[in-house]
Structure formats: structure tokens, C-alpha cells
Amino acid sequence: ALDEFDHDDEVLHDEELDLRADHILLQKLAYAMCIDPGSDEVGYICSALEMVYRAGRTRLAQSFHEICDSLLPLIVEMIRPPLPGKHSADKNRRGTVEEDLVSSPEEKPDLL
């Protein structure tokens, strides 16, 4: 996808947005952020979205208006610093529901 989107033809980028490439990439980004926010996949999807957004101003504004309510929280999550007490090993931990239920309260970060 990166090879296909990496060009400077504004009209072609407008067509990509007409074909809803922005919506598709947003869906893929949301899924990738749920699985592993620090993965290379997230970076590739963001790169593809940047490339698609080389469209004309009018079409770009329309696209952003359509998806901004979903896109902005993902961008904020990407740039927000990690919560205190979180270690890099913890982000890759995928425990079971039972493990999460029996873990002690002091192991859970205070989200407030």
C-alpha cells in the first residue's frame, strides 16, 4: 500500500479518498492500536494515511470532517506519554481475564 500511495498526484489522492481509503486506513489503525500500539504496523498505517492526505484542500477537509471524531483520539493516544509505573514489558503482556481478575489492586495503575 505504501508504494501505491507514495506519489504527488493530487487528483489521484482525491480519487483514493473518494474510494474511502481514509476510512479503511482509520479502521486498520484502530484495530492495530488495540492489538499493539507500539507496533511497526501502526507506523505503516500512519504513513499511508499521511500519503493519502496529500490530496487537494477541499477533498482533504471533507475527509477530515468525516473521520476526525474517530481519528483524533487515536492520534492523542499515540502522542500521550505512558502512564507512570508502566514498563515496556507490561505493554506486551497479554494476560487472561482470570489473571486480571485476581491481580492485586496495587498492580493496577490509577487512571484518574
PDB file of N, CA and C in Angstrom:
ATOM      1  N   ALA A   1       0.819  -1.183   0.000  1.00  0.00           N
ATOM      2  CA  ALA A   1       0.000   0.000   0.000  1.00  0.00           C
ATOM      3  C   ALA A   1       0.867   1.254   0.000  1.00  0.00           C
ATOM      4  N   LEU A   2       1.981   1.228   0.715  1.00  0.00           N
ATOM      5  CA  LEU A   2       2.828   2.421   0.776  1.00  0.00           C
ATOM      6  C   LEU A   2       3.354   2.797  -0.602  1.00  0.00           C
ATOM      7  N   ASP A   3       3.710   1.811  -1.400  1.00  0.00           N
ATOM      8  CA  ASP A   3       4.195   2.096  -2.752  1.00  0.00           C
ATOM      9  C   ASP A   3       3.103   2.719  -3.615  1.00  0.00           C
ATOM     10  N   GLU A   4       1.878   2.266  -3.439  1.00  0.00           N
ATOM     11  CA  GLU A   4       0.765   2.793  -4.227  1.00  0.00           C
ATOM     12  C   GLU A   4       0.398   4.219  -3.841  1.00  0.00           C
ATOM     13  N   PHE A   5       0.497   4.558  -2.555  1.00  0.00           N
ATOM     14  CA  PHE A   5       0.078   5.865  -2.076  1.00  0.00           C
ATOM     15  C   PHE A   5       1.185   6.919  -2.145  1.00  0.00           C
ATOM     16  N   ASP A   6       2.430   6.503  -2.346  1.00  0.00           N
ATOM     17  CA  ASP A   6       3.559   7.431  -2.309  1.00  0.00           C
ATOM     18  C   ASP A   6       3.779   8.085  -3.670  1.00  0.00           C
ATOM     19  N   HIS A   7       3.005   9.128  -3.925  1.00  0.00           N
ATOM     20  CA  HIS A   7       3.129   9.906  -5.158  1.00  0.00           C
ATOM     21  C   HIS A   7       2.655  11.323  -4.883  1.00  0.00           C
ATOM     22  N   ASP A   8       2.833  12.199  -5.839  1.00  0.00           N
ATOM     23  CA  ASP A   8       2.459  13.604  -5.656  1.00  0.00           C
ATOM     24  C   ASP A   8       1.335  14.029  -6.589  1.00  0.00           C
ATOM     25  N   ASP A   9       0.535  13.087  -7.041  1.00  0.00           N
ATOM     26  CA  ASP A   9      -0.590  13.388  -7.930  1.00  0.00           C
ATOM     27  C   ASP A   9      -1.820  13.698  -7.083  1.00  0.00           C
ATOM     28  N   GLU A  10      -2.111  14.975  -6.920  1.00  0.00           N
ATOM     29  CA  GLU A  10      -3.208  15.415  -6.058  1.00  0.00           C
ATOM     30  C   GLU A  10      -4.550  14.854  -6.514  1.00  0.00           C
ATOM     31  N   VAL A  11      -4.765  14.791  -7.815  1.00  0.00           N
ATOM     32  CA  VAL A  11      -6.032  14.274  -8.352  1.00  0.00           C
ATOM     33  C   VAL A  11      -6.191  12.795  -7.999  1.00  0.00           C
ATOM     34  N   LEU A  12      -5.115  12.053  -8.096  1.00  0.00           N
ATOM     35  CA  LEU A  12      -5.166  10.630  -7.748  1.00  0.00           C
ATOM     36  C   LEU A  12      -5.427  10.450  -6.249  1.00  0.00           C
ATOM     37  N   HIS A  13      -4.833  11.303  -5.413  1.00  0.00           N
ATOM     38  CA  HIS A  13      -5.113  11.229  -3.977  1.00  0.00           C
ATOM     39  C   HIS A  13      -6.583  11.557  -3.698  1.00  0.00           C
ATOM     40  N   ASP A  14      -7.146  12.507  -4.434  1.00  0.00           N
ATOM     41  CA  ASP A  14      -8.574  12.797  -4.300  1.00  0.00           C
ATOM     42  C   ASP A  14      -9.406  11.558  -4.629  1.00  0.00           C
ATOM     43  N   GLU A  15      -9.016  10.845  -5.673  1.00  0.00           N
ATOM     44  CA  GLU A  15      -9.725   9.618  -6.054  1.00  0.00           C
ATOM     45  C   GLU A  15      -9.598   8.560  -4.972  1.00  0.00           C
ATOM     46  N   GLU A  16      -8.423   8.460  -4.359  1.00  0.00           N
ATOM     47  CA  GLU A  16      -8.226   7.497  -3.273  1.00  0.00           C
ATOM     48  C   GLU A  16      -9.173   7.803  -2.115  1.00  0.00           C
ATOM     49  N   LEU A  17      -9.329   9.087  -1.819  1.00  0.00           N
ATOM     50  CA  LEU A  17     -10.257   9.472  -0.753  1.00  0.00           C
ATOM     51  C   LEU A  17     -11.699   9.204  -1.176  1.00  0.00           C
ATOM     52  N   ASP A  18     -12.011   9.408  -2.463  1.00  0.00           N
ATOM     53  CA  ASP A  18     -13.353   9.089  -2.958  1.00  0.00           C
ATOM     54  C   ASP A  18     -13.659   7.603  -2.795  1.00  0.00           C
ATOM     55  N   LEU A  19     -12.624   6.781  -2.890  1.00  0.00           N
ATOM     56  CA  LEU A  19     -12.777   5.331  -2.715  1.00  0.00           C
ATOM     57  C   LEU A  19     -12.676   4.917  -1.245  1.00  0.00           C
ATOM     58  N   ARG A  20     -12.651   5.908  -0.352  1.00  0.00           N
ATOM     59  CA  ARG A  20     -12.684   5.724   1.091  1.00  0.00           C
ATOM     60  C   ARG A  20     -11.415   5.100   1.679  1.00  0.00           C
ATOM     61  N   ALA A  21     -10.275   5.389   1.067  1.00  0.00           N
ATOM     62  CA  ALA A  21      -9.009   4.898   1.605  1.00  0.00           C
ATOM     63  C   ALA A  21      -8.791   5.418   3.026  1.00  0.00           C
ATOM     64  N   ASP A  22      -9.239   6.643   3.290  1.00  0.00           N
ATOM     65  CA  ASP A  22      -9.092   7.207   4.627  1.00  0.00           C
ATOM     66  C   ASP A  22      -9.879   6.412   5.665  1.00  0.00           C
ATOM     67  N   HIS A  23     -11.083   6.022   5.325  1.00  0.00           N
ATOM     68  CA  HIS A  23     -11.920   5.235   6.251  1.00  0.00           C
ATOM     69  C   HIS A  23     -11.316   3.852   6.489  1.00  0.00           C
ATOM     70  N   ILE A  24     -10.812   3.252   5.432  1.00  0.00           N
ATOM     71  CA  ILE A  24     -10.200   1.925   5.545  1.00  0.00           C
ATOM     72  C   ILE A  24      -8.946   1.990   6.418  1.00  0.00           C
ATOM     73  N   LEU A  25      -8.116   2.999   6.176  1.00  0.00           N
ATOM     74  CA  LEU A  25      -6.900   3.143   6.976  1.00  0.00           C
ATOM     75  C   LEU A  25      -7.223   3.456   8.431  1.00  0.00           C
ATOM     76  N   LEU A  26      -8.242   4.245   8.665  1.00  0.00           N
ATOM     77  CA  LEU A  26      -8.671   4.532  10.038  1.00  0.00           C
ATOM     78  C   LEU A  26      -9.097   3.246  10.745  1.00  0.00           C
ATOM     79  N   GLN A  27      -9.856   2.421  10.051  1.00  0.00           N
ATOM     80  CA  GLN A  27     -10.303   1.152  10.639  1.00  0.00           C
ATOM     81  C   GLN A  27      -9.098   0.274  10.972  1.00  0.00           C
ATOM     82  N   LYS A  28      -8.153   0.190  10.066  1.00  0.00           N
ATOM     83  CA  LYS A  28      -6.954  -0.613  10.303  1.00  0.00           C
ATOM     84  C   LYS A  28      -6.118  -0.033  11.446  1.00  0.00           C
ATOM     85  N   LEU A  29      -6.045   1.295  11.518  1.00  0.00           N
ATOM     86  CA  LEU A  29      -5.291   1.937  12.595  1.00  0.00           C
ATOM     87  C   LEU A  29      -5.929   1.658  13.948  1.00  0.00           C
ATOM     88  N   ALA A  30      -7.237   1.768  14.032  1.00  0.00           N
ATOM     89  CA  ALA A  30      -7.928   1.497  15.298  1.00  0.00           C
ATOM     90  C   ALA A  30      -7.681   0.062  15.749  1.00  0.00           C
ATOM     91  N   TYR A  31      -7.750  -0.880  14.827  1.00  0.00           N
ATOM     92  CA  TYR A  31      -7.509  -2.286  15.164  1.00  0.00           C
ATOM     93  C   TYR A  31      -6.056  -2.492  15.613  1.00  0.00           C
ATOM     94  N   ALA A  32      -5.112  -1.924  14.865  1.00  0.00           N
ATOM     95  CA  ALA A  32      -3.697  -2.094  15.206  1.00  0.00           C
ATOM     96  C   ALA A  32      -3.381  -1.461  16.558  1.00  0.00           C
ATOM     97  N   MET A  33      -4.011  -0.338  16.877  1.00  0.00           N
ATOM     98  CA  MET A  33      -3.787   0.309  18.171  1.00  0.00           C
ATOM     99  C   MET A  33      -4.330  -0.547  19.316  1.00  0.00           C
ATOM    100  N   CYS A  34      -5.395  -1.289  19.067  1.00  0.00           N
ATOM    101  CA  CYS A  34      -5.944  -2.185  20.099  1.00  0.00           C
ATOM    102  C   CYS A  34      -5.028  -3.382  20.333  1.00  0.00           C
ATOM    103  N   ILE A  35      -4.421  -3.870  19.285  1.00  0.00           N
ATOM    104  CA  ILE A  35      -3.558  -5.056  19.387  1.00  0.00           C
ATOM    105  C   ILE A  35      -2.208  -4.701  20.008  1.00  0.00           C
ATOM    106  N   ASP A  36      -1.506  -3.724  19.409  1.00  0.00           N
ATOM    107  CA  ASP A  36      -0.186  -3.316  19.915  1.00  0.00           C
ATOM    108  C   ASP A  36       0.108  -1.898  19.439  1.00  0.00           C
ATOM    109  N   PRO A  37      -0.142  -0.913  20.299  1.00  0.00           N
ATOM    110  CA  PRO A  37       0.030   0.480  19.902  1.00  0.00           C
ATOM    111  C   PRO A  37       1.454   0.846  19.485  1.00  0.00           C
ATOM    112  N   GLY A  38       2.425   0.081  19.916  1.00  0.00           N
ATOM    113  CA  GLY A  38       3.815   0.388  19.590  1.00  0.00           C
ATOM    114  C   GLY A  38       4.356  -0.385  18.400  1.00  0.00           C
ATOM    115  N   SER A  39       3.488  -1.050  17.664  1.00  0.00           N
ATOM    116  CA  SER A  39       3.950  -1.904  16.572  1.00  0.00           C
ATOM    117  C   SER A  39       4.345  -1.106  15.335  1.00  0.00           C
ATOM    118  N   ASP A  40       5.144  -1.738  14.496  1.00  0.00           N
ATOM    119  CA  ASP A  40       5.510  -1.146  13.212  1.00  0.00           C
ATOM    120  C   ASP A  40       4.280  -0.953  12.340  1.00  0.00           C
ATOM    121  N   GLU A  41       3.304  -1.831  12.493  1.00  0.00           N
ATOM    122  CA  GLU A  41       2.064  -1.750  11.705  1.00  0.00           C
ATOM    123  C   GLU A  41       1.388  -0.397  11.896  1.00  0.00           C
ATOM    124  N   VAL A  42       1.358   0.098  13.132  1.00  0.00           N
ATOM    125  CA  VAL A  42       0.758   1.410  13.411  1.00  0.00           C
ATOM    126  C   VAL A  42       1.500   2.488  12.628  1.00  0.00           C
ATOM    127  N   GLY A  43       2.806   2.427  12.616  1.00  0.00           N
ATOM    128  CA  GLY A  43       3.615   3.395  11.872  1.00  0.00           C
ATOM    129  C   GLY A  43       3.357   3.338  10.379  1.00  0.00           C
ATOM    130  N   TYR A  44       3.250   2.124   9.842  1.00  0.00           N
ATOM    131  CA  TYR A  44       2.990   1.975   8.406  1.00  0.00           C
ATOM    132  C   TYR A  44       1.623   2.545   8.028  1.00  0.00           C
ATOM    133  N   ILE A  45       0.642   2.288   8.865  1.00  0.00           N
ATOM    134  CA  ILE A  45      -0.712   2.791   8.587  1.00  0.00           C
ATOM    135  C   ILE A  45      -0.728   4.314   8.655  1.00  0.00           C
ATOM    136  N   CYS A  46      -0.053   4.877   9.636  1.00  0.00           N
ATOM    137  CA  CYS A  46       0.024   6.345   9.737  1.00  0.00           C
ATOM    138  C   CYS A  46       0.741   6.931   8.525  1.00  0.00           C
ATOM    139  N   SER A  47       1.777   6.272   8.060  1.00  0.00           N
ATOM    140  CA  SER A  47       2.472   6.734   6.853  1.00  0.00           C
ATOM    141  C   SER A  47       1.553   6.703   5.643  1.00  0.00           C
ATOM    142  N   ALA A  48       0.787   5.640   5.517  1.00  0.00           N
ATOM    143  CA  ALA A  48      -0.149   5.543   4.394  1.00  0.00           C
ATOM    144  C   ALA A  48      -1.220   6.627   4.485  1.00  0.00           C
ATOM    145  N   LEU A  49      -1.699   6.904   5.686  1.00  0.00           N
ATOM    146  CA  LEU A  49      -2.704   7.952   5.868  1.00  0.00           C
ATOM    147  C   LEU A  49      -2.129   9.320   5.499  1.00  0.00           C
ATOM    148  N   GLU A  50      -0.896   9.565   5.881  1.00  0.00           N
ATOM    149  CA  GLU A  50      -0.243  10.827   5.502  1.00  0.00           C
ATOM    150  C   GLU A  50      -0.151  10.949   3.987  1.00  0.00           C
ATOM    151  N   MET A  51       0.176   9.878   3.332  1.00  0.00           N
ATOM    152  CA  MET A  51       0.308   9.903   1.877  1.00  0.00           C
ATOM    153  C   MET A  51      -1.041  10.168   1.206  1.00  0.00           C
ATOM    154  N   VAL A  52      -2.076   9.497   1.675  1.00  0.00           N
ATOM    155  CA  VAL A  52      -3.414   9.697   1.118  1.00  0.00           C
ATOM    156  C   VAL A  52      -3.856  11.140   1.341  1.00  0.00           C
ATOM    157  N   TYR A  53      -3.438  11.728   2.454  1.00  0.00           N
ATOM    158  CA  TYR A  53      -3.832  13.096   2.778  1.00  0.00           C
ATOM    159  C   TYR A  53      -3.018  14.151   2.018  1.00  0.00           C
ATOM    160  N   ARG A  54      -2.315  13.764   0.984  1.00  0.00           N
ATOM    161  CA  ARG A  54      -1.673  14.712   0.080  1.00  0.00           C
ATOM    162  C   ARG A  54      -2.669  15.183  -0.983  1.00  0.00           C
ATOM    163  N   ALA A  55      -3.919  14.950  -0.727  1.00  0.00           N
ATOM    164  CA  ALA A  55      -4.998  15.306  -1.661  1.00  0.00           C
ATOM    165  C   ALA A  55      -5.206  16.817  -1.673  1.00  0.00           C
ATOM    166  N   GLY A  56      -6.138  17.244  -2.516  1.00  0.00           N
ATOM    167  CA  GLY A  56      -6.482  18.656  -2.604  1.00  0.00           C
ATOM    168  C   GLY A  56      -7.140  19.139  -1.317  1.00  0.00           C
ATOM    169  N   ARG A  57      -7.071  20.435  -1.085  1.00  0.00           N
ATOM    170  CA  ARG A  57      -7.566  21.008   0.169  1.00  0.00           C
ATOM    171  C   ARG A  57      -9.042  20.729   0.409  1.00  0.00           C
ATOM    172  N   THR A  58      -9.849  20.861  -0.630  1.00  0.00           N
ATOM    173  CA  THR A  58     -11.290  20.662  -0.460  1.00  0.00           C
ATOM    174  C   THR A  58     -11.597  19.220  -0.079  1.00  0.00           C
ATOM    175  N   ARG A  59     -10.995  18.284  -0.808  1.00  0.00           N
ATOM    176  CA  ARG A  59     -11.255  16.861  -0.523  1.00  0.00           C
ATOM    177  C   ARG A  59     -10.645  16.455   0.807  1.00  0.00           C
ATOM    178  N   LEU A  60      -9.506  17.023   1.145  1.00  0.00           N
ATOM    179  CA  LEU A  60      -8.864  16.753   2.432  1.00  0.00           C
ATOM    180  C   LEU A  60      -9.747  17.226   3.582  1.00  0.00           C
ATOM    181  N   ALA A  61     -10.292  18.420   3.462  1.00  0.00           N
ATOM    182  CA  ALA A  61     -11.177  18.949   4.508  1.00  0.00           C
ATOM    183  C   ALA A  61     -12.412  18.072   4.669  1.00  0.00           C
ATOM    184  N   GLN A  62     -12.968  17.627   3.554  1.00  0.00           N
ATOM    185  CA  GLN A  62     -14.144  16.752   3.613  1.00  0.00           C
ATOM    186  C   GLN A  62     -13.801  15.446   4.324  1.00  0.00           C
ATOM    187  N   SER A  63     -12.669  14.864   3.977  1.00  0.00           N
ATOM    188  CA  SER A  63     -12.249  13.611   4.606  1.00  0.00           C
ATOM    189  C   SER A  63     -12.042  13.795   6.102  1.00  0.00           C
ATOM    190  N   PHE A  64     -11.327  14.838   6.459  1.00  0.00           N
ATOM    191  CA  PHE A  64     -11.052  15.040   7.877  1.00  0.00           C
ATOM    192  C   PHE A  64     -12.341  15.276   8.654  1.00  0.00           C
ATOM    193  N   HIS A  65     -13.260  16.008   8.062  1.00  0.00           N
ATOM    194  CA  HIS A  65     -14.552  16.239   8.706  1.00  0.00           C
ATOM    195  C   HIS A  65     -15.299  14.919   8.932  1.00  0.00           C
ATOM    196  N   GLU A  66     -15.165  13.989   7.989  1.00  0.00           N
ATOM    197  CA  GLU A  66     -15.858  12.700   8.085  1.00  0.00           C
ATOM    198  C   GLU A  66     -15.281  11.815   9.182  1.00  0.00           C
ATOM    199  N   ILE A  67     -13.958  11.828   9.371  1.00  0.00           N
ATOM    200  CA  ILE A  67     -13.350  10.853  10.282  1.00  0.00           C
ATOM    201  C   ILE A  67     -12.676  11.465  11.504  1.00  0.00           C
ATOM    202  N   CYS A  68     -12.709  12.791  11.657  1.00  0.00           N
ATOM    203  CA  CYS A  68     -11.928  13.415  12.736  1.00  0.00           C
ATOM    204  C   CYS A  68     -12.357  12.950  14.125  1.00  0.00           C
ATOM    205  N   ASP A  69     -13.644  12.682  14.336  1.00  0.00           N
ATOM    206  CA  ASP A  69     -14.094  12.257  15.663  1.00  0.00           C
ATOM    207  C   ASP A  69     -13.483  10.923  16.074  1.00  0.00           C
ATOM    208  N   SER A  70     -13.151  10.101  15.108  1.00  0.00           N
ATOM    209  CA  SER A  70     -12.521   8.809  15.406  1.00  0.00           C
ATOM    210  C   SER A  70     -11.004   8.887  15.332  1.00  0.00           C
ATOM    211  N   LEU A  71     -10.492   9.727  14.450  1.00  0.00           N
ATOM    212  CA  LEU A  71      -9.052   9.804  14.241  1.00  0.00           C
ATOM    213  C   LEU A  71      -8.328  10.544  15.362  1.00  0.00           C
ATOM    214  N   LEU A  72      -8.871  11.637  15.820  1.00  0.00           N
ATOM    215  CA  LEU A  72      -8.173  12.451  16.823  1.00  0.00           C
ATOM    216  C   LEU A  72      -7.879  11.703  18.121  1.00  0.00           C
ATOM    217  N   PRO A  73      -8.817  10.924  18.676  1.00  0.00           N
ATOM    218  CA  PRO A  73      -8.465  10.178  19.896  1.00  0.00           C
ATOM    219  C   PRO A  73      -7.316   9.185  19.683  1.00  0.00           C
ATOM    220  N   LEU A  74      -7.225   8.606  18.500  1.00  0.00           N
ATOM    221  CA  LEU A  74      -6.115   7.689  18.218  1.00  0.00           C
ATOM    222  C   LEU A  74      -4.795   8.436  18.161  1.00  0.00           C
ATOM    223  N   ILE A  75      -4.803   9.611  17.545  1.00  0.00           N
ATOM    224  CA  ILE A  75      -3.583  10.411  17.467  1.00  0.00           C
ATOM    225  C   ILE A  75      -3.155  10.858  18.862  1.00  0.00           C
ATOM    226  N   VAL A  76      -4.112  11.286  19.672  1.00  0.00           N
ATOM    227  CA  VAL A  76      -3.790  11.700  21.042  1.00  0.00           C
ATOM    228  C   VAL A  76      -3.213  10.531  21.824  1.00  0.00           C
ATOM    229  N   GLU A  77      -3.778   9.353  21.656  1.00  0.00           N
ATOM    230  CA  GLU A  77      -3.255   8.169  22.352  1.00  0.00           C
ATOM    231  C   GLU A  77      -1.824   7.865  21.928  1.00  0.00           C
ATOM    232  N   MET A  78      -1.516   8.086  20.645  1.00  0.00           N
ATOM    233  CA  MET A  78      -0.162   7.818  20.151  1.00  0.00           C
ATOM    234  C   MET A  78       0.864   8.773  20.739  1.00  0.00           C
ATOM    235  N   ILE A  79       0.482  10.042  20.952  1.00  0.00           N
ATOM    236  CA  ILE A  79       1.468  11.018  21.402  1.00  0.00           C
ATOM    237  C   ILE A  79       1.474  11.220  22.906  1.00  0.00           C
ATOM    238  N   ARG A  80       0.477  10.680  23.605  1.00  0.00           N
ATOM    239  CA  ARG A  80       0.420  10.821  25.061  1.00  0.00           C
ATOM    240  C   ARG A  80       1.539  10.008  25.694  1.00  0.00           C
ATOM    241  N   PRO A  81       2.201  10.570  26.717  1.00  0.00           N
ATOM    242  CA  PRO A  81       3.247   9.800  27.395  1.00  0.00           C
ATOM    243  C   PRO A  81       2.630   8.612  28.130  1.00  0.00           C
ATOM    244  N   PRO A  82       3.395   7.547  28.314  1.00  0.00           N
ATOM    245  CA  PRO A  82       2.859   6.378  29.020  1.00  0.00           C
ATOM    246  C   PRO A  82       2.509   6.719  30.461  1.00  0.00           C
ATOM    247  N   LEU A  83       1.589   5.968  31.021  1.00  0.00           N
ATOM    248  CA  LEU A  83       1.195   6.168  32.411  1.00  0.00           C
ATOM    249  C   LEU A  83       2.358   5.837  33.335  1.00  0.00           C
ATOM    250  N   PRO A  84       2.495   6.549  34.454  1.00  0.00           N
ATOM    251  CA  PRO A  84       3.576   6.253  35.407  1.00  0.00           C
ATOM    252  C   PRO A  84       3.471   4.812  35.897  1.00  0.00           C
ATOM    253  N   GLY A  85       4.623   4.193  36.072  1.00  0.00           N
ATOM    254  CA  GLY A  85       4.643   2.831  36.585  1.00  0.00           C
ATOM    255  C   GLY A  85       4.507   1.780  35.500  1.00  0.00           C
ATOM    256  N   LYS A  86       4.267   2.183  34.275  1.00  0.00           N
ATOM    257  CA  LYS A  86       4.164   1.220  33.189  1.00  0.00           C
ATOM    258  C   LYS A  86       5.556   0.924  32.660  1.00  0.00           C
ATOM    259  N   HIS A  87       5.881  -0.335  32.535  1.00  0.00           N
ATOM    260  CA  HIS A  87       7.165  -0.751  31.987  1.00  0.00           C
ATOM    261  C   HIS A  87       6.937  -1.253  30.578  1.00  0.00           C
ATOM    262  N   SER A  88       7.958  -1.181  29.764  1.00  0.00           N
ATOM    263  CA  SER A  88       7.804  -1.613  28.375  1.00  0.00           C
ATOM    264  C   SER A  88       7.419  -3.083  28.284  1.00  0.00           C
ATOM    265  N   ALA A  89       7.846  -3.890  29.246  1.00  0.00           N
ATOM    266  CA  ALA A  89       7.476  -5.307  29.224  1.00  0.00           C
ATOM    267  C   ALA A  89       5.985  -5.480  29.480  1.00  0.00           C
ATOM    268  N   ASP A  90       5.394  -4.568  30.259  1.00  0.00           N
ATOM    269  CA  ASP A  90       3.976  -4.669  30.573  1.00  0.00           C
ATOM    270  C   ASP A  90       3.094  -4.454  29.357  1.00  0.00           C
ATOM    271  N   LYS A  91       3.530  -3.634  28.402  1.00  0.00           N
ATOM    272  CA  LYS A  91       2.668  -3.344  27.267  1.00  0.00           C
ATOM    273  C   LYS A  91       2.512  -4.555  26.349  1.00  0.00           C
ATOM    274  N   ASN A  92       3.475  -5.471  26.404  1.00  0.00           N
ATOM    275  CA  ASN A  92       3.377  -6.665  25.568  1.00  0.00           C
ATOM    276  C   ASN A  92       2.734  -7.833  26.298  1.00  0.00           C
ATOM    277  N   ARG A  93       2.424  -7.657  27.578  1.00  0.00           N
ATOM    278  CA  ARG A  93       1.815  -8.714  28.371  1.00  0.00           C
ATOM    279  C   ARG A  93       0.362  -8.882  27.969  1.00  0.00           C
ATOM    280  N   ARG A  94      -0.022 -10.073  27.666  1.00  0.00           N
ATOM    281  CA  ARG A  94      -1.407 -10.376  27.309  1.00  0.00           C
ATOM    282  C   ARG A  94      -1.906 -11.457  28.260  1.00  0.00           C
ATOM    283  N   GLY A  95      -2.364 -11.043  29.437  1.00  0.00           N
ATOM    284  CA  GLY A  95      -2.856 -11.980  30.430  1.00  0.00           C
ATOM    285  C   GLY A  95      -4.271 -12.412  30.122  1.00  0.00           C
ATOM    286  N   THR A  96      -4.707 -13.433  30.833  1.00  0.00           N
ATOM    287  CA  THR A  96      -6.076 -13.892  30.668  1.00  0.00           C
ATOM    288  C   THR A  96      -6.999 -13.063  31.534  1.00  0.00           C
ATOM    289  N   VAL A  97      -8.275 -13.184  31.308  1.00  0.00           N
ATOM    290  CA  VAL A  97      -9.254 -12.472  32.114  1.00  0.00           C
ATOM    291  C   VAL A  97      -9.130 -12.900  33.563  1.00  0.00           C
ATOM    292  N   GLU A  98      -8.910 -14.200  33.805  1.00  0.00           N
ATOM    293  CA  GLU A  98      -8.780 -14.696  35.164  1.00  0.00           C
ATOM    294  C   GLU A  98      -7.577 -14.065  35.867  1.00  0.00           C
ATOM    295  N   GLU A  99      -6.450 -13.931  35.166  1.00  0.00           N
ATOM    296  CA  GLU A  99      -5.275 -13.303  35.755  1.00  0.00           C
ATOM    297  C   GLU A  99      -5.564 -11.859  36.128  1.00  0.00           C
ATOM    298  N   ASP A 100      -6.273 -11.151  35.264  1.00  0.00           N
ATOM    299  CA  ASP A 100      -6.611  -9.755  35.529  1.00  0.00           C
ATOM    300  C   ASP A 100      -7.550  -9.626  36.723  1.00  0.00           C
ATOM    301  N   LEU A 101      -8.459 -10.581  36.887  1.00  0.00           N
ATOM    302  CA  LEU A 101      -9.411 -10.510  37.985  1.00  0.00           C
ATOM    303  C   LEU A 101      -8.771 -10.781  39.334  1.00  0.00           C
ATOM    304  N   VAL A 102      -7.764 -11.650  39.364  1.00  0.00           N
ATOM    305  CA  VAL A 102      -7.153 -11.994  40.646  1.00  0.00           C
ATOM    306  C   VAL A 102      -5.928 -11.148  40.968  1.00  0.00           C
ATOM    307  N   SER A 103      -5.493 -10.294  40.072  1.00  0.00           N
ATOM    308  CA  SER A 103      -4.332  -9.462  40.367  1.00  0.00           C
ATOM    309  C   SER A 103      -4.693  -8.455  41.454  1.00  0.00           C
ATOM    310  N   SER A 104      -3.700  -8.117  42.232  1.00  0.00           N
ATOM    311  CA  SER A 104      -3.960  -7.216  43.362  1.00  0.00           C
ATOM    312  C   SER A 104      -4.184  -5.790  42.871  1.00  0.00           C
ATOM    313  N   PRO A 105      -4.941  -4.971  43.642  1.00  0.00           N
ATOM    314  CA  PRO A 105      -5.239  -3.593  43.232  1.00  0.00           C
ATOM    315  C   PRO A 105      -4.002  -2.728  43.076  1.00  0.00           C
ATOM    316  N   GLU A 106      -2.945  -3.015  43.860  1.00  0.00           N
ATOM    317  CA  GLU A 106      -1.761  -2.174  43.745  1.00  0.00           C
ATOM    318  C   GLU A 106      -1.006  -2.400  42.438  1.00  0.00           C
ATOM    319  N   GLU A 107      -1.329  -3.455  41.710  1.00  0.00           N
ATOM    320  CA  GLU A 107      -0.709  -3.688  40.420  1.00  0.00           C
ATOM    321  C   GLU A 107      -1.394  -2.892  39.315  1.00  0.00           C
ATOM    322  N   LYS A 108      -2.605  -2.422  39.552  1.00  0.00           N
ATOM    323  CA  LYS A 108      -3.346  -1.674  38.549  1.00  0.00           C
ATOM    324  C   LYS A 108      -2.995  -0.197  38.632  1.00  0.00           C
ATOM    325  N   PRO A 109      -2.717   0.446  37.500  1.00  0.00           N
ATOM    326  CA  PRO A 109      -2.417   1.892  37.553  1.00  0.00           C
ATOM    327  C   PRO A 109      -3.670   2.687  37.869  1.00  0.00           C
ATOM    328  N   ASP A 110      -3.493   3.771  38.560  1.00  0.00           N
ATOM    329  CA  ASP A 110      -4.615   4.673  38.854  1.00  0.00           C
ATOM    330  C   ASP A 110      -4.856   5.543  37.634  1.00  0.00           C
ATOM    331  N   LEU A 111      -5.989   5.353  36.996  1.00  0.00           N
ATOM    332  CA  LEU A 111      -6.273   6.060  35.747  1.00  0.00           C
ATOM    333  C   LEU A 111      -6.890   7.426  35.964  1.00  0.00           C
ATOM    334  N   LEU A 112      -7.152   7.805  37.192  1.00  0.00           N
ATOM    335  CA  LEU A 112      -7.762   9.109  37.449  1.00  0.00           C
ATOM    336  C   LEU A 112      -6.737  10.117  37.712  1.00  0.00           C
TER     337      LEU A 112
END
